Each structure stands twice: as structure tokens, then as C-alpha cells.
Protein backbone atom coordinates (compact mmCIF):
# COMPACT_ATOMS: atom_id res chain seq x y z
CA MET A 1 -5.56 71.38 55.19
CA PRO A 2 -9.61 70.81 53.86
CA GLU A 3 -9.97 68.51 57.72
CA ASP A 4 -9.01 71.78 58.69
CA ASP A 5 -11.15 74.09 57.12
CA LYS A 6 -13.95 70.90 58.59
CA THR A 7 -13.34 71.22 62.44
CA LYS A 8 -13.78 75.13 61.78
CA ARG A 9 -17.09 75.05 59.98
CA ARG A 10 -18.20 72.07 62.77
CA SER A 11 -17.04 74.38 65.47
CA PHE A 12 -18.57 77.91 63.89
CA TRP A 13 -21.70 76.25 63.87
CA GLU A 14 -21.80 75.07 67.01
CA ALA A 15 -20.89 78.42 68.59
CA ALA A 16 -23.77 79.57 66.19
CA LYS A 17 -25.96 77.48 67.56
CA GLY A 18 -25.57 77.64 71.33
CA VAL A 19 -25.83 81.66 70.64
CA LEU A 20 -28.99 80.74 69.15
CA TYR A 21 -30.66 78.90 71.72
CA GLY A 22 -29.06 81.45 74.66
CA MET A 23 -31.13 83.57 73.30
CA ALA A 24 -34.16 82.08 72.26
CA GLY A 25 -34.44 78.88 73.69
CA HIS A 26 -33.09 78.77 77.58
CA ASP A 27 -35.28 81.49 78.83
CA MET A 28 -38.45 79.02 77.30
CA ALA A 29 -36.55 75.80 78.48
CA ARG A 30 -36.48 77.55 82.18
CA PHE A 31 -39.61 78.46 82.45
CA ALA A 32 -41.50 74.76 81.31
CA LEU A 33 -38.99 73.31 84.09
CA LYS A 34 -40.39 76.44 86.65
CA THR A 35 -43.67 75.38 85.61
CA ARG A 36 -43.40 71.52 85.77
CA GLY A 37 -41.64 71.60 89.34
CA SER A 38 -44.83 74.01 90.39
CA MET A 39 -47.10 71.89 88.96
CA GLU A 40 -45.43 68.63 90.63
CA HIS A 41 -45.79 70.38 93.90
CA LEU A 42 -49.21 71.88 93.45
CA PHE A 43 -50.31 67.77 92.55
CA ILE A 44 -47.92 66.56 95.64
CA LEU A 45 -50.10 68.75 97.76
CA ILE A 46 -53.69 68.22 96.58
CA THR A 47 -52.98 64.77 97.10
CA MET A 48 -50.61 64.48 100.35
CA GLY A 49 -52.07 67.80 101.41
CA ASP A 50 -52.89 65.75 104.70
CA LEU A 51 -48.96 65.63 105.96
CA LEU A 52 -49.33 69.70 106.42
CA GLY A 53 -53.08 69.55 108.27
CA ILE A 54 -54.38 70.14 105.12
CA PRO A 55 -57.27 68.12 104.01
CA ILE A 56 -58.41 68.05 100.43
CA LEU A 57 -59.05 64.88 98.98
CA PRO A 58 -59.99 61.72 100.99
CA PRO A 59 -56.90 59.27 102.66
CA TYR A 60 -58.18 56.81 99.84
CA TYR A 61 -56.72 58.09 96.68
CA SER A 62 -54.19 59.77 98.38
CA LEU A 63 -52.98 55.97 99.69
CA ARG A 64 -53.99 54.34 96.03
CA LEU A 65 -51.21 57.80 94.96
CA LEU A 66 -48.75 57.47 97.66
CA PRO A 67 -46.05 55.13 95.89
CA TYR A 68 -45.36 58.10 93.10
CA VAL A 69 -44.79 60.19 96.02
CA VAL A 70 -42.56 59.03 98.11
CA PRO A 71 -39.15 60.38 96.77
CA GLN A 72 -40.63 63.48 96.41
CA ILE A 73 -42.65 64.16 99.92
CA SER A 74 -39.01 65.55 101.74
CA THR A 75 -38.21 67.90 99.50
CA TRP A 76 -41.73 69.13 98.87
CA LYS A 77 -42.23 69.54 102.91
CA ARG A 78 -38.98 71.88 102.82
CA ARG A 79 -40.47 73.62 99.91
CA MET A 80 -43.94 74.05 101.50
CA LEU A 81 -42.72 75.10 105.51
CA ARG A 82 -39.74 77.06 103.67
CA GLU A 83 -40.13 81.29 105.08
CA ARG A 84 -40.55 83.42 101.89
CA ASP A 85 -40.11 86.74 101.28
CA LEU A 86 -40.35 89.37 98.46
CA THR A 87 -36.98 88.39 96.80
CA ASP A 88 -38.85 84.78 96.06
CA ALA A 89 -40.94 85.80 93.97
CA LEU A 90 -38.12 87.82 91.48
CA ALA A 91 -36.24 84.57 91.24
């Protein structure tokens, strides 16, 4: 019987933690991930902008950073060249 009470208490506290996270932390976590993604795409634009015809930095620096950026180039190009409308800003 005492073990049954322990499991009920533990499940109650797990549920309470989930609710508190949903109320307080989920929105902050989503915003942080969205901000991180925007910063990564901005960094790639600055360093690899010549792939889109935007020469910002000299190619020497872009070539030095290329090995770190290669895995993200295809998704970055797709995101930068995607057509956008007003509803994209709301998401």
C-alpha cells in the first residue's frame, strides 16, 4: 500500500511539473529556438551570401568557414529563397 501512495505522489508531481513547464517555460523555449535559428541563418547569409549573389564578406573568410557551414547550406538556401507572405510573420 505505501508504494502505491508513492507512485501516485510521483505521478502528481510529474503532472504538476509538466503543467508549470507548459505555463512558464514552453513559450520561452520556443522563442529561444526561433531566435537561435534566425541568428544561424543570418550568420550563414553574412558568410555565404555570395552563393545567392550578395557579396558581403571577402571570399577568403567564407572559404575558411565553409567546412562548418556545409551541412546547413541546402536548408538555408531553401529558407532564404522561399516565397513569403504576411502569415509567415505571424507564426
